């Protein structure tokens, strides 16, 4: 399999096209939240937007982006590797 990193500022676009959505913090950019998109494929915008899972995930991501969630709710899942101690290779 291949991996594609798609950068967007649209929650709808991220949920419709992605299998996982990663939210970065403002400067310095760090992963602040990661969520799997558990919607069947193919995903057609009209149909997907009516799915409860789509609606829930979109609302969850919106709340994170506008800062309405408590800091405790933003904790990273244990599956996200801690990269803060790794040296940067250039």
PDB file of N, CA and C in Angstrom:
ATOM      1  N   UNK A   1       0.812  -1.177   0.000  1.00  0.00           N
ATOM      2  CA  UNK A   1       0.000   0.000   0.000  1.00  0.00           C
ATOM      3  C   UNK A   1       0.859   1.245   0.000  1.00  0.00           C
ATOM      4  N   UNK A   2       0.232   2.318  -0.363  1.00  0.00           N
ATOM      5  CA  UNK A   2       0.899   3.614  -0.402  1.00  0.00           C
ATOM      6  C   UNK A   2       0.189   4.579   0.526  1.00  0.00           C
ATOM      7  N   UNK A   3       0.944   5.536   1.010  1.00  0.00           N
ATOM      8  CA  UNK A   3       0.408   6.562   1.891  1.00  0.00           C
ATOM      9  C   UNK A   3       0.495   7.900   1.200  1.00  0.00           C
ATOM     10  N   UNK A   4      -0.564   8.690   1.309  1.00  0.00           N
ATOM     11  CA  UNK A   4      -0.593  10.035   0.770  1.00  0.00           C
ATOM     12  C   UNK A   4      -0.902  10.976   1.921  1.00  0.00           C
ATOM     13  N   UNK A   5      -0.135  12.043   2.041  1.00  0.00           N
ATOM     14  CA  UNK A   5      -0.418  13.076   3.032  1.00  0.00           C
ATOM     15  C   UNK A   5      -1.093  14.211   2.280  1.00  0.00           C
ATOM     16  N   UNK A   6      -2.320  14.460   2.646  1.00  0.00           N
ATOM     17  CA  UNK A   6      -3.137  15.479   1.986  1.00  0.00           C
ATOM     18  C   UNK A   6      -3.384  16.597   2.994  1.00  0.00           C
ATOM     19  N   UNK A   7      -2.968  17.801   2.663  1.00  0.00           N
ATOM     20  CA  UNK A   7      -3.113  18.942   3.571  1.00  0.00           C
ATOM     21  C   UNK A   7      -4.288  19.784   3.105  1.00  0.00           C
ATOM     22  N   UNK A   8      -5.197  20.063   4.031  1.00  0.00           N
ATOM     23  CA  UNK A   8      -6.364  20.883   3.695  1.00  0.00           C
ATOM     24  C   UNK A   8      -6.776  21.696   4.912  1.00  0.00           C
ATOM     25  N   UNK A   9      -7.525  22.737   4.684  1.00  0.00           N
ATOM     26  CA  UNK A   9      -8.099  23.530   5.765  1.00  0.00           C
ATOM     27  C   UNK A   9      -9.598  23.274   5.858  1.00  0.00           C
ATOM     28  N   UNK A  10     -10.088  22.289   5.125  1.00  0.00           N
ATOM     29  CA  UNK A  10     -11.511  21.970   5.092  1.00  0.00           C
ATOM     30  C   UNK A  10     -11.785  20.677   5.862  1.00  0.00           C
ATOM     31  N   UNK A  11     -12.599  20.774   6.902  1.00  0.00           N
ATOM     32  CA  UNK A  11     -12.960  19.579   7.663  1.00  0.00           C
ATOM     33  C   UNK A  11     -13.704  18.604   6.765  1.00  0.00           C
ATOM     34  N   UNK A  12     -14.643  19.103   5.980  1.00  0.00           N
ATOM     35  CA  UNK A  12     -15.421  18.233   5.092  1.00  0.00           C
ATOM     36  C   UNK A  12     -14.518  17.480   4.119  1.00  0.00           C
ATOM     37  N   UNK A  13     -13.590  18.177   3.520  1.00  0.00           N
ATOM     38  CA  UNK A  13     -12.670  17.568   2.573  1.00  0.00           C
ATOM     39  C   UNK A  13     -11.818  16.497   3.252  1.00  0.00           C
ATOM     40  N   UNK A  14     -11.330  16.783   4.448  1.00  0.00           N
ATOM     41  CA  UNK A  14     -10.507  15.821   5.178  1.00  0.00           C
ATOM     42  C   UNK A  14     -11.281  14.552   5.490  1.00  0.00           C
ATOM     43  N   UNK A  15     -12.528  14.698   5.948  1.00  0.00           N
ATOM     44  CA  UNK A  15     -13.335  13.532   6.314  1.00  0.00           C
ATOM     45  C   UNK A  15     -13.756  12.749   5.078  1.00  0.00           C
ATOM     46  N   UNK A  16     -14.089  13.436   4.004  1.00  0.00           N
ATOM     47  CA  UNK A  16     -14.525  12.743   2.784  1.00  0.00           C
ATOM     48  C   UNK A  16     -13.387  11.993   2.100  1.00  0.00           C
ATOM     49  N   UNK A  17     -12.177  12.562   2.108  1.00  0.00           N
ATOM     50  CA  UNK A  17     -11.074  11.964   1.364  1.00  0.00           C
ATOM     51  C   UNK A  17     -10.148  11.086   2.197  1.00  0.00           C
ATOM     52  N   UNK A  18     -10.108  11.309   3.499  1.00  0.00           N
ATOM     53  CA  UNK A  18      -9.117  10.635   4.315  1.00  0.00           C
ATOM     54  C   UNK A  18      -9.608   9.389   5.024  1.00  0.00           C
ATOM     55  N   UNK A  19      -8.641   8.559   5.414  1.00  0.00           N
ATOM     56  CA  UNK A  19      -8.906   7.411   6.282  1.00  0.00           C
ATOM     57  C   UNK A  19      -8.569   7.776   7.721  1.00  0.00           C
ATOM     58  N   UNK A  20      -7.785   8.826   7.880  1.00  0.00           N
ATOM     59  CA  UNK A  20      -7.403   9.330   9.199  1.00  0.00           C
ATOM     60  C   UNK A  20      -7.243  10.846   9.064  1.00  0.00           C
ATOM     61  N   UNK A  21      -7.706  11.563  10.083  1.00  0.00           N
ATOM     62  CA  UNK A  21      -7.562  13.018  10.101  1.00  0.00           C
ATOM     63  C   UNK A  21      -6.620  13.376  11.238  1.00  0.00           C
ATOM     64  N   UNK A  22      -5.628  14.178  10.926  1.00  0.00           N
ATOM     65  CA  UNK A  22      -4.653  14.621  11.915  1.00  0.00           C
ATOM     66  C   UNK A  22      -4.770  16.137  12.034  1.00  0.00           C
ATOM     67  N   UNK A  23      -4.952  16.599  13.266  1.00  0.00           N
ATOM     68  CA  UNK A  23      -5.061  18.033  13.530  1.00  0.00           C
ATOM     69  C   UNK A  23      -3.752  18.488  14.160  1.00  0.00           C
ATOM     70  N   UNK A  24      -3.208  19.561  13.617  1.00  0.00           N
ATOM     71  CA  UNK A  24      -1.967  20.120  14.149  1.00  0.00           C
ATOM     72  C   UNK A  24      -2.270  21.350  14.985  1.00  0.00           C
ATOM     73  N   UNK A  25      -1.430  21.566  15.995  1.00  0.00           N
ATOM     74  CA  UNK A  25      -1.539  22.757  16.824  1.00  0.00           C
ATOM     75  C   UNK A  25      -0.950  23.936  16.061  1.00  0.00           C
ATOM     76  N   UNK A  26      -1.290  25.163  16.513  1.00  0.00           N
ATOM     77  CA  UNK A  26      -0.610  26.324  15.932  1.00  0.00           C
ATOM     78  C   UNK A  26       0.870  26.295  16.308  1.00  0.00           C
ATOM     79  N   UNK A  27       1.588  27.246  15.839  1.00  0.00           N
ATOM     80  CA  UNK A  27       3.041  27.301  16.032  1.00  0.00           C
ATOM     81  C   UNK A  27       3.466  26.948  17.445  1.00  0.00           C
ATOM     82  N   UNK A  28       4.391  26.071  17.649  1.00  0.00           N
ATOM     83  CA  UNK A  28       4.970  25.202  16.622  1.00  0.00           C
ATOM     84  C   UNK A  28       3.996  24.073  16.290  1.00  0.00           C
ATOM     85  N   UNK A  29       3.931  23.735  15.023  1.00  0.00           N
ATOM     86  CA  UNK A  29       2.995  22.716  14.566  1.00  0.00           C
ATOM     87  C   UNK A  29       3.324  21.337  15.120  1.00  0.00           C
ATOM     88  N   UNK A  30       2.446  20.833  15.952  1.00  0.00           N
ATOM     89  CA  UNK A  30       2.581  19.482  16.520  1.00  0.00           C
ATOM     90  C   UNK A  30       1.233  18.798  16.400  1.00  0.00           C
ATOM     91  N   UNK A  31       1.263  17.489  16.364  1.00  0.00           N
ATOM     92  CA  UNK A  31       0.007  16.744  16.315  1.00  0.00           C
ATOM     93  C   UNK A  31      -0.732  16.977  17.625  1.00  0.00           C
ATOM     94  N   UNK A  32      -1.955  17.478  17.519  1.00  0.00           N
ATOM     95  CA  UNK A  32      -2.748  17.706  18.727  1.00  0.00           C
ATOM     96  C   UNK A  32      -3.921  16.743  18.819  1.00  0.00           C
ATOM     97  N   UNK A  33      -4.301  16.127  17.686  1.00  0.00           N
ATOM     98  CA  UNK A  33      -5.427  15.192  17.700  1.00  0.00           C
ATOM     99  C   UNK A  33      -5.366  14.328  16.450  1.00  0.00           C
ATOM    100  N   UNK A  34      -5.776  13.083  16.595  1.00  0.00           N
ATOM    101  CA  UNK A  34      -5.818  12.176  15.461  1.00  0.00           C
ATOM    102  C   UNK A  34      -7.094  11.343  15.569  1.00  0.00           C
ATOM    103  N   UNK A  35      -7.795  11.189  14.454  1.00  0.00           N
ATOM    104  CA  UNK A  35      -9.027  10.410  14.454  1.00  0.00           C
ATOM    105  C   UNK A  35      -9.110   9.568  13.182  1.00  0.00           C
ATOM    106  N   UNK A  36      -9.528   8.323  13.332  1.00  0.00           N
ATOM    107  CA  UNK A  36      -9.785   7.465  12.179  1.00  0.00           C
ATOM    108  C   UNK A  36     -11.146   7.816  11.602  1.00  0.00           C
ATOM    109  N   UNK A  37     -11.256   7.744  10.271  1.00  0.00           N
ATOM    110  CA  UNK A  37     -12.527   7.986   9.593  1.00  0.00           C
ATOM    111  C   UNK A  37     -13.119   6.622   9.265  1.00  0.00           C
ATOM    112  N   UNK A  38     -14.146   6.250   9.993  1.00  0.00           N
ATOM    113  CA  UNK A  38     -14.755   4.926   9.825  1.00  0.00           C
ATOM    114  C   UNK A  38     -16.031   5.009   9.010  1.00  0.00           C
ATOM    115  N   UNK A  39     -15.900   5.487   7.794  1.00  0.00           N
ATOM    116  CA  UNK A  39     -17.024   5.572   6.868  1.00  0.00           C
ATOM    117  C   UNK A  39     -16.732   4.675   5.669  1.00  0.00           C
ATOM    118  N   UNK A  40     -17.769   4.025   5.171  1.00  0.00           N
ATOM    119  CA  UNK A  40     -17.587   3.125   4.031  1.00  0.00           C
ATOM    120  C   UNK A  40     -17.168   3.894   2.787  1.00  0.00           C
ATOM    121  N   UNK A  41     -16.451   3.192   1.936  1.00  0.00           N
ATOM    122  CA  UNK A  41     -16.064   3.725   0.629  1.00  0.00           C
ATOM    123  C   UNK A  41     -16.836   2.992  -0.443  1.00  0.00           C
ATOM    124  N   UNK A  42     -17.105   3.602  -1.547  1.00  0.00           N
ATOM    125  CA  UNK A  42     -16.775   4.983  -1.906  1.00  0.00           C
ATOM    126  C   UNK A  42     -17.618   5.959  -1.100  1.00  0.00           C
ATOM    127  N   UNK A  43     -17.049   7.135  -0.893  1.00  0.00           N
ATOM    128  CA  UNK A  43     -17.742   8.184  -0.151  1.00  0.00           C
ATOM    129  C   UNK A  43     -18.180   9.272  -1.120  1.00  0.00           C
ATOM    130  N   UNK A  44     -19.451   9.430  -1.222  1.00  0.00           N
ATOM    131  CA  UNK A  44     -20.009  10.506  -2.034  1.00  0.00           C
ATOM    132  C   UNK A  44     -20.492  11.582  -1.075  1.00  0.00           C
ATOM    133  N   UNK A  45     -20.124  12.817  -1.333  1.00  0.00           N
ATOM    134  CA  UNK A  45     -20.380  13.913  -0.400  1.00  0.00           C
ATOM    135  C   UNK A  45     -21.833  13.963   0.045  1.00  0.00           C
ATOM    136  N   UNK A  46     -22.753  13.864  -0.887  1.00  0.00           N
ATOM    137  CA  UNK A  46     -24.169  13.972  -0.549  1.00  0.00           C
ATOM    138  C   UNK A  46     -24.597  12.877   0.423  1.00  0.00           C
ATOM    139  N   UNK A  47     -24.189  11.648   0.141  1.00  0.00           N
ATOM    140  CA  UNK A  47     -24.567  10.518   0.996  1.00  0.00           C
ATOM    141  C   UNK A  47     -23.824  10.542   2.330  1.00  0.00           C
ATOM    142  N   UNK A  48     -22.527  10.805   2.298  1.00  0.00           N
ATOM    143  CA  UNK A  48     -21.706  10.762   3.511  1.00  0.00           C
ATOM    144  C   UNK A  48     -22.151  11.798   4.525  1.00  0.00           C
ATOM    145  N   UNK A  49     -22.518  12.972   4.070  1.00  0.00           N
ATOM    146  CA  UNK A  49     -22.902  14.051   4.986  1.00  0.00           C
ATOM    147  C   UNK A  49     -24.174  13.743   5.772  1.00  0.00           C
ATOM    148  N   UNK A  50     -24.922  12.743   5.329  1.00  0.00           N
ATOM    149  CA  UNK A  50     -26.141  12.337   6.045  1.00  0.00           C
ATOM    150  C   UNK A  50     -25.865  11.227   7.059  1.00  0.00           C
ATOM    151  N   UNK A  51     -24.670  10.660   7.039  1.00  0.00           N
ATOM    152  CA  UNK A  51     -24.317   9.566   7.947  1.00  0.00           C
ATOM    153  C   UNK A  51     -24.052  10.107   9.349  1.00  0.00           C
ATOM    154  N   UNK A  52     -24.610   9.464  10.383  1.00  0.00           N
ATOM    155  CA  UNK A  52     -24.351   9.916  11.757  1.00  0.00           C
ATOM    156  C   UNK A  52     -22.858   9.948  12.103  1.00  0.00           C
ATOM    157  N   UNK A  53     -22.075   8.983  11.615  1.00  0.00           N
ATOM    158  CA  UNK A  53     -20.640   8.962  11.890  1.00  0.00           C
ATOM    159  C   UNK A  53     -19.927  10.166  11.310  1.00  0.00           C
ATOM    160  N   UNK A  54     -20.356  10.589  10.126  1.00  0.00           N
ATOM    161  CA  UNK A  54     -19.775  11.771   9.486  1.00  0.00           C
ATOM    162  C   UNK A  54     -20.093  13.015  10.308  1.00  0.00           C
ATOM    163  N   UNK A  55     -21.358  13.136  10.677  1.00  0.00           N
ATOM    164  CA  UNK A  55     -21.804  14.304  11.433  1.00  0.00           C
ATOM    165  C   UNK A  55     -21.068  14.388  12.774  1.00  0.00           C
ATOM    166  N   UNK A  56     -20.973  13.258  13.471  1.00  0.00           N
ATOM    167  CA  UNK A  56     -20.289  13.237  14.770  1.00  0.00           C
ATOM    168  C   UNK A  56     -18.819  13.612  14.648  1.00  0.00           C
ATOM    169  N   UNK A  57     -18.131  13.023  13.654  1.00  0.00           N
ATOM    170  CA  UNK A  57     -16.705  13.306  13.482  1.00  0.00           C
ATOM    171  C   UNK A  57     -16.487  14.754  13.084  1.00  0.00           C
ATOM    172  N   UNK A  58     -17.314  15.274  12.204  1.00  0.00           N
ATOM    173  CA  UNK A  58     -17.179  16.664  11.781  1.00  0.00           C
ATOM    174  C   UNK A  58     -17.351  17.607  12.966  1.00  0.00           C
ATOM    175  N   UNK A  59     -18.356  17.358  13.799  1.00  0.00           N
ATOM    176  CA  UNK A  59     -18.577  18.195  14.979  1.00  0.00           C
ATOM    177  C   UNK A  59     -17.414  18.096  15.960  1.00  0.00           C
ATOM    178  N   UNK A  60     -16.906  16.882  16.144  1.00  0.00           N
ATOM    179  CA  UNK A  60     -15.769  16.666  17.043  1.00  0.00           C
ATOM    180  C   UNK A  60     -14.550  17.452  16.562  1.00  0.00           C
ATOM    181  N   UNK A  61     -14.252  17.368  15.271  1.00  0.00           N
ATOM    182  CA  UNK A  61     -13.103  18.087  14.711  1.00  0.00           C
ATOM    183  C   UNK A  61     -13.305  19.601  14.804  1.00  0.00           C
ATOM    184  N   UNK A  62     -14.517  20.059  14.554  1.00  0.00           N
ATOM    185  CA  UNK A  62     -14.799  21.494  14.647  1.00  0.00           C
ATOM    186  C   UNK A  62     -14.566  21.997  16.065  1.00  0.00           C
ATOM    187  N   UNK A  63     -15.049  21.243  17.047  1.00  0.00           N
ATOM    188  CA  UNK A  63     -14.867  21.646  18.444  1.00  0.00           C
ATOM    189  C   UNK A  63     -13.387  21.714  18.803  1.00  0.00           C
ATOM    190  N   UNK A  64     -12.612  20.791  18.298  1.00  0.00           N
ATOM    191  CA  UNK A  64     -11.170  20.794  18.568  1.00  0.00           C
ATOM    192  C   UNK A  64     -10.524  22.019  17.927  1.00  0.00           C
ATOM    193  N   UNK A  65     -10.889  22.312  16.698  1.00  0.00           N
ATOM    194  CA  UNK A  65     -10.277  23.437  15.990  1.00  0.00           C
ATOM    195  C   UNK A  65     -10.654  24.783  16.593  1.00  0.00           C
ATOM    196  N   UNK A  66     -11.836  24.904  17.116  1.00  0.00           N
ATOM    197  CA  UNK A  66     -12.227  26.196  17.692  1.00  0.00           C
ATOM    198  C   UNK A  66     -11.943  26.262  19.185  1.00  0.00           C
ATOM    199  N   UNK A  67     -11.381  25.198  19.729  1.00  0.00           N
ATOM    200  CA  UNK A  67     -10.924  25.224  21.105  1.00  0.00           C
ATOM    201  C   UNK A  67     -11.989  25.074  22.162  1.00  0.00           C
ATOM    202  N   UNK A  68     -13.125  24.465  21.818  1.00  0.00           N
ATOM    203  CA  UNK A  68     -14.195  24.324  22.798  1.00  0.00           C
ATOM    204  C   UNK A  68     -14.017  23.101  23.694  1.00  0.00           C
ATOM    205  N   UNK A  69     -13.133  22.209  23.349  1.00  0.00           N
ATOM    206  CA  UNK A  69     -12.931  21.022  24.170  1.00  0.00           C
ATOM    207  C   UNK A  69     -11.917  21.300  25.262  1.00  0.00           C
ATOM    208  N   UNK A  70     -12.065  20.626  26.359  1.00  0.00           N
ATOM    209  CA  UNK A  70     -11.099  20.744  27.448  1.00  0.00           C
ATOM    210  C   UNK A  70      -9.775  20.146  27.009  1.00  0.00           C
ATOM    211  N   UNK A  71      -8.706  20.608  27.603  1.00  0.00           N
ATOM    212  CA  UNK A  71      -7.377  20.095  27.279  1.00  0.00           C
ATOM    213  C   UNK A  71      -7.308  18.586  27.479  1.00  0.00           C
ATOM    214  N   UNK A  72      -8.000  18.068  28.466  1.00  0.00           N
ATOM    215  CA  UNK A  72      -7.981  16.626  28.734  1.00  0.00           C
ATOM    216  C   UNK A  72      -8.537  15.836  27.559  1.00  0.00           C
ATOM    217  N   UNK A  73      -9.508  16.387  26.854  1.00  0.00           N
ATOM    218  CA  UNK A  73     -10.094  15.698  25.710  1.00  0.00           C
ATOM    219  C   UNK A  73      -9.156  15.696  24.507  1.00  0.00           C
ATOM    220  N   UNK A  74      -8.134  16.526  24.547  1.00  0.00           N
ATOM    221  CA  UNK A  74      -7.209  16.620  23.415  1.00  0.00           C
ATOM    222  C   UNK A  74      -5.997  15.717  23.574  1.00  0.00           C
ATOM    223  N   UNK A  75      -5.958  14.937  24.627  1.00  0.00           N
ATOM    224  CA  UNK A  75      -4.796  14.074  24.854  1.00  0.00           C
ATOM    225  C   UNK A  75      -4.628  13.116  23.678  1.00  0.00           C
ATOM    226  N   UNK A  76      -3.399  12.869  23.332  1.00  0.00           N
ATOM    227  CA  UNK A  76      -3.118  11.978  22.220  1.00  0.00           C
ATOM    228  C   UNK A  76      -3.393  10.541  22.598  1.00  0.00           C
ATOM    229  N   UNK A  77      -3.834   9.787  21.637  1.00  0.00           N
ATOM    230  CA  UNK A  77      -4.046   8.361  21.809  1.00  0.00           C
ATOM    231  C   UNK A  77      -2.682   7.695  22.005  1.00  0.00           C
ATOM    232  N   UNK A  78      -2.639   6.613  22.769  1.00  0.00           N
ATOM    233  CA  UNK A  78      -1.375   5.915  23.035  1.00  0.00           C
ATOM    234  C   UNK A  78      -0.709   5.401  21.764  1.00  0.00           C
ATOM    235  N   UNK A  79      -1.478   5.278  20.686  1.00  0.00           N
ATOM    236  CA  UNK A  79      -0.911   4.755  19.440  1.00  0.00           C
ATOM    237  C   UNK A  79      -0.105   5.792  18.670  1.00  0.00           C
ATOM    238  N   UNK A  80      -0.175   7.050  19.065  1.00  0.00           N
ATOM    239  CA  UNK A  80       0.581   8.085  18.365  1.00  0.00           C
ATOM    240  C   UNK A  80       1.981   8.130  18.960  1.00  0.00           C
ATOM    241  N   UNK A  81       2.993   7.896  18.145  1.00  0.00           N
ATOM    242  CA  UNK A  81       4.362   7.888  18.679  1.00  0.00           C
ATOM    243  C   UNK A  81       4.812   9.267  19.136  1.00  0.00           C
ATOM    244  N   UNK A  82       5.574   9.299  20.204  1.00  0.00           N
ATOM    245  CA  UNK A  82       6.143  10.543  20.718  1.00  0.00           C
ATOM    246  C   UNK A  82       7.404  10.840  19.918  1.00  0.00           C
ATOM    247  N   UNK A  83       7.370  11.915  19.133  1.00  0.00           N
ATOM    248  CA  UNK A  83       8.516  12.266  18.292  1.00  0.00           C
ATOM    249  C   UNK A  83       9.313  13.423  18.874  1.00  0.00           C
ATOM    250  N   UNK A  84       8.943  13.891  20.065  1.00  0.00           N
ATOM    251  CA  UNK A  84       9.605  15.068  20.624  1.00  0.00           C
ATOM    252  C   UNK A  84      11.060  14.815  20.995  1.00  0.00           C
ATOM    253  N   UNK A  85      11.428  13.570  21.256  1.00  0.00           N
ATOM    254  CA  UNK A  85      12.802  13.244  21.661  1.00  0.00           C
ATOM    255  C   UNK A  85      13.671  12.842  20.479  1.00  0.00           C
ATOM    256  N   UNK A  86      13.083  12.690  19.318  1.00  0.00           N
ATOM    257  CA  UNK A  86      13.866  12.240  18.151  1.00  0.00           C
ATOM    258  C   UNK A  86      14.594  13.418  17.511  1.00  0.00           C
ATOM    259  N   UNK A  87      15.850  13.215  17.124  1.00  0.00           N
ATOM    260  CA  UNK A  87      16.590  14.298  16.462  1.00  0.00           C
ATOM    261  C   UNK A  87      16.048  14.531  15.056  1.00  0.00           C
ATOM    262  N   UNK A  88      16.130  15.757  14.604  1.00  0.00           N
ATOM    263  CA  UNK A  88      15.705  16.095  13.266  1.00  0.00           C
ATOM    264  C   UNK A  88      16.845  15.751  12.310  1.00  0.00           C
ATOM    265  N   UNK A  89      16.525  15.002  11.271  1.00  0.00           N
ATOM    266  CA  UNK A  89      17.520  14.628  10.268  1.00  0.00           C
ATOM    267  C   UNK A  89      17.281  15.451   9.026  1.00  0.00           C
ATOM    268  N   UNK A  90      18.325  16.124   8.550  1.00  0.00           N
ATOM    269  CA  UNK A  90      18.147  16.940   7.357  1.00  0.00           C
ATOM    270  C   UNK A  90      19.025  16.478   6.241  1.00  0.00           C
TER     271      UNK A  90
END
